[in-house]
């Protein structure tokens, strides 16, 4: 019995903006206001990856993983 998924591997691609990634890395650990296509979020920038960032909110300490393509702007506060 052949499984067609094993015969054709899935390739994932993502758009990487190296200038944004490198700039965001300089403010890791700082408070930020992030405006996304779904609204705004305020917290501490914890981590920066090539395709997403990690933000921990204040108070509830909820962790958000935000895709870079969803970000409109980032403002350190």
N, C-alpha and C. Protein backbone atom coordinates (compact mmCIF):
# COMPACT_ATOMS: atom_id res chain seq x y z
N UNK A 1 0.84 -1.18 0.00
CA UNK A 1 0.00 0.00 0.00
C UNK A 1 0.89 1.25 0.00
N UNK A 2 0.74 2.11 -1.00
CA UNK A 2 1.52 3.33 -1.11
C UNK A 2 0.76 4.49 -0.49
N UNK A 3 1.51 5.32 0.19
CA UNK A 3 0.94 6.55 0.75
C UNK A 3 1.49 7.71 -0.07
N UNK A 4 0.63 8.43 -0.76
CA UNK A 4 1.08 9.49 -1.66
C UNK A 4 1.80 10.62 -0.91
N UNK A 5 1.54 10.81 0.38
CA UNK A 5 2.23 11.84 1.14
C UNK A 5 3.72 11.54 1.26
N UNK A 6 4.08 10.27 1.35
CA UNK A 6 5.48 9.90 1.46
C UNK A 6 6.22 10.07 0.15
N UNK A 7 5.52 10.02 -0.96
CA UNK A 7 6.15 10.14 -2.27
C UNK A 7 6.44 11.59 -2.63
N UNK A 8 5.68 12.55 -2.09
CA UNK A 8 5.83 13.96 -2.44
C UNK A 8 6.00 14.76 -1.15
N UNK A 9 7.24 15.04 -0.76
CA UNK A 9 7.45 15.80 0.47
C UNK A 9 6.90 17.22 0.34
N UNK A 10 6.46 17.74 1.45
CA UNK A 10 5.94 19.11 1.50
C UNK A 10 7.09 20.05 1.81
N UNK A 11 7.22 21.11 1.03
CA UNK A 11 8.24 22.13 1.26
C UNK A 11 7.56 23.39 1.78
N UNK A 12 8.08 23.93 2.88
CA UNK A 12 7.55 25.16 3.46
C UNK A 12 8.48 26.31 3.12
N UNK A 13 7.89 27.45 2.81
CA UNK A 13 8.70 28.64 2.55
C UNK A 13 8.16 29.80 3.38
N UNK A 14 9.03 30.73 3.70
CA UNK A 14 8.62 31.93 4.42
C UNK A 14 9.46 33.09 3.93
N UNK A 15 8.88 34.27 4.01
CA UNK A 15 9.59 35.48 3.61
C UNK A 15 10.35 35.99 4.82
N UNK A 16 11.64 36.20 4.66
CA UNK A 16 12.47 36.70 5.75
C UNK A 16 12.93 38.10 5.40
N UNK A 17 12.74 39.03 6.34
CA UNK A 17 13.22 40.39 6.17
C UNK A 17 14.39 40.59 7.12
N UNK A 18 15.61 40.37 6.65
CA UNK A 18 16.76 40.40 7.55
C UNK A 18 16.97 41.73 8.27
N UNK A 19 16.58 42.85 7.66
CA UNK A 19 16.76 44.14 8.31
C UNK A 19 15.84 44.27 9.52
N UNK A 20 14.61 43.82 9.40
CA UNK A 20 13.67 43.85 10.52
C UNK A 20 14.15 42.92 11.62
N UNK A 21 14.55 41.72 11.26
CA UNK A 21 15.01 40.73 12.25
C UNK A 21 16.20 41.29 13.03
N UNK A 22 17.19 41.83 12.34
CA UNK A 22 18.38 42.36 13.03
C UNK A 22 18.04 43.57 13.89
N UNK A 23 17.15 44.43 13.43
CA UNK A 23 16.74 45.59 14.22
C UNK A 23 15.99 45.16 15.47
N UNK A 24 15.07 44.20 15.34
CA UNK A 24 14.32 43.73 16.49
C UNK A 24 15.24 43.05 17.51
N UNK A 25 16.27 42.38 17.06
CA UNK A 25 17.20 41.73 17.99
C UNK A 25 17.88 42.75 18.91
N UNK A 26 18.01 43.99 18.46
CA UNK A 26 18.67 45.01 19.28
C UNK A 26 17.79 45.48 20.43
N UNK A 27 16.49 45.16 20.41
CA UNK A 27 15.60 45.60 21.49
C UNK A 27 15.02 44.42 22.29
N UNK A 28 15.62 43.25 22.19
CA UNK A 28 15.19 42.12 23.02
C UNK A 28 15.35 42.51 24.48
N UNK A 29 14.34 42.19 25.28
CA UNK A 29 14.34 42.52 26.70
C UNK A 29 13.72 43.86 27.03
N UNK A 30 13.34 44.63 26.01
CA UNK A 30 12.71 45.94 26.23
C UNK A 30 11.21 45.85 26.08
N UNK A 31 10.54 46.84 26.65
CA UNK A 31 9.09 46.96 26.49
C UNK A 31 8.79 47.45 25.08
N UNK A 32 7.77 46.85 24.46
CA UNK A 32 7.41 47.22 23.10
C UNK A 32 5.89 47.30 22.96
N UNK A 33 5.48 48.11 22.01
CA UNK A 33 4.10 48.14 21.56
C UNK A 33 4.12 47.60 20.14
N UNK A 34 3.38 46.53 19.91
CA UNK A 34 3.33 45.87 18.61
C UNK A 34 1.96 46.11 18.00
N UNK A 35 1.92 46.66 16.82
CA UNK A 35 0.65 46.81 16.08
C UNK A 35 0.63 45.74 15.02
N UNK A 36 -0.41 44.91 15.06
CA UNK A 36 -0.55 43.84 14.08
C UNK A 36 -1.83 44.06 13.28
N UNK A 37 -2.03 43.22 12.30
CA UNK A 37 -3.26 43.30 11.51
C UNK A 37 -4.48 42.95 12.35
N UNK A 38 -4.29 42.32 13.51
CA UNK A 38 -5.40 41.93 14.39
C UNK A 38 -5.55 42.84 15.60
N UNK A 39 -4.70 43.86 15.74
CA UNK A 39 -4.78 44.77 16.88
C UNK A 39 -3.41 45.00 17.49
N UNK A 40 -3.40 45.66 18.65
CA UNK A 40 -2.12 45.99 19.28
C UNK A 40 -1.87 45.12 20.50
N UNK A 41 -0.60 45.04 20.86
CA UNK A 41 -0.16 44.21 21.98
C UNK A 41 1.02 44.91 22.62
N UNK A 42 1.02 44.94 23.96
CA UNK A 42 2.11 45.57 24.69
C UNK A 42 2.73 44.55 25.63
N UNK A 43 4.06 44.54 25.68
CA UNK A 43 4.75 43.61 26.56
C UNK A 43 6.24 43.69 26.36
N UNK A 44 6.94 42.66 26.81
CA UNK A 44 8.39 42.61 26.67
C UNK A 44 8.75 41.68 25.51
N UNK A 45 9.64 42.17 24.65
CA UNK A 45 10.13 41.36 23.54
C UNK A 45 11.11 40.34 24.10
N UNK A 46 10.75 39.08 24.00
CA UNK A 46 11.54 38.00 24.61
C UNK A 46 12.50 37.36 23.63
N UNK A 47 12.05 37.17 22.39
CA UNK A 47 12.85 36.43 21.42
C UNK A 47 12.51 36.87 20.01
N UNK A 48 13.49 36.79 19.11
CA UNK A 48 13.29 37.13 17.70
C UNK A 48 13.82 35.98 16.87
N UNK A 49 12.98 35.45 16.00
CA UNK A 49 13.34 34.38 15.07
C UNK A 49 13.18 34.92 13.65
N UNK A 50 13.68 34.22 12.64
CA UNK A 50 13.57 34.72 11.26
C UNK A 50 12.14 34.93 10.78
N UNK A 51 11.15 34.21 11.36
CA UNK A 51 9.78 34.33 10.88
C UNK A 51 8.77 34.80 11.93
N UNK A 52 9.19 34.91 13.21
CA UNK A 52 8.27 35.34 14.25
C UNK A 52 9.00 35.96 15.43
N UNK A 53 8.24 36.65 16.29
CA UNK A 53 8.77 37.17 17.53
C UNK A 53 7.97 36.60 18.69
N UNK A 54 8.55 36.66 19.88
CA UNK A 54 7.88 36.21 21.09
C UNK A 54 7.76 37.41 22.02
N UNK A 55 6.52 37.69 22.46
CA UNK A 55 6.25 38.82 23.35
C UNK A 55 5.51 38.29 24.57
N UNK A 56 6.00 38.69 25.78
CA UNK A 56 5.34 38.31 27.02
C UNK A 56 4.65 39.55 27.58
N UNK A 57 3.33 39.44 27.80
CA UNK A 57 2.56 40.58 28.29
C UNK A 57 2.83 40.79 29.77
N UNK A 58 2.53 41.98 30.23
CA UNK A 58 2.69 42.31 31.65
C UNK A 58 1.43 41.90 32.40
N UNK A 59 1.58 41.63 33.68
CA UNK A 59 0.42 41.25 34.49
C UNK A 59 0.11 39.78 34.38
N UNK A 60 -0.49 39.39 33.25
CA UNK A 60 -0.86 37.98 33.07
C UNK A 60 0.31 37.13 32.61
N UNK A 61 1.35 37.78 32.12
CA UNK A 61 2.54 37.10 31.59
C UNK A 61 2.20 36.06 30.53
N UNK A 62 1.18 36.37 29.73
CA UNK A 62 0.82 35.52 28.60
C UNK A 62 1.87 35.68 27.52
N UNK A 63 2.24 34.59 26.88
CA UNK A 63 3.25 34.61 25.82
C UNK A 63 2.56 34.55 24.47
N UNK A 64 2.94 35.48 23.59
CA UNK A 64 2.39 35.52 22.23
C UNK A 64 3.51 35.28 21.23
N UNK A 65 3.21 34.48 20.23
CA UNK A 65 4.12 34.22 19.11
C UNK A 65 3.50 34.92 17.91
N UNK A 66 4.18 35.93 17.39
CA UNK A 66 3.62 36.78 16.33
C UNK A 66 4.46 36.63 15.07
N UNK A 67 3.81 36.24 13.98
CA UNK A 67 4.51 36.13 12.70
C UNK A 67 4.91 37.52 12.21
N UNK A 68 6.11 37.64 11.67
CA UNK A 68 6.59 38.94 11.20
C UNK A 68 5.70 39.52 10.11
N UNK A 69 5.10 38.67 9.27
CA UNK A 69 4.24 39.16 8.20
C UNK A 69 2.98 39.83 8.75
N UNK A 70 2.62 39.56 10.01
CA UNK A 70 1.43 40.14 10.60
C UNK A 70 1.68 41.48 11.29
N UNK A 71 2.94 41.88 11.41
CA UNK A 71 3.30 43.10 12.14
C UNK A 71 3.24 44.30 11.21
N UNK A 72 2.55 45.35 11.69
CA UNK A 72 2.50 46.62 10.96
C UNK A 72 3.64 47.52 11.43
N UNK A 73 3.81 47.65 12.77
CA UNK A 73 4.95 48.38 13.31
C UNK A 73 5.26 47.90 14.72
N UNK A 74 6.49 48.22 15.14
CA UNK A 74 6.96 47.93 16.50
C UNK A 74 7.51 49.24 17.06
N UNK A 75 7.07 49.58 18.29
CA UNK A 75 7.57 50.80 18.91
C UNK A 75 8.09 50.47 20.31
N UNK A 76 9.39 50.65 20.53
CA UNK A 76 9.91 50.47 21.88
C UNK A 76 9.30 51.55 22.80
N UNK A 77 8.95 51.15 24.01
CA UNK A 77 8.35 52.13 24.95
C UNK A 77 9.09 52.11 26.28
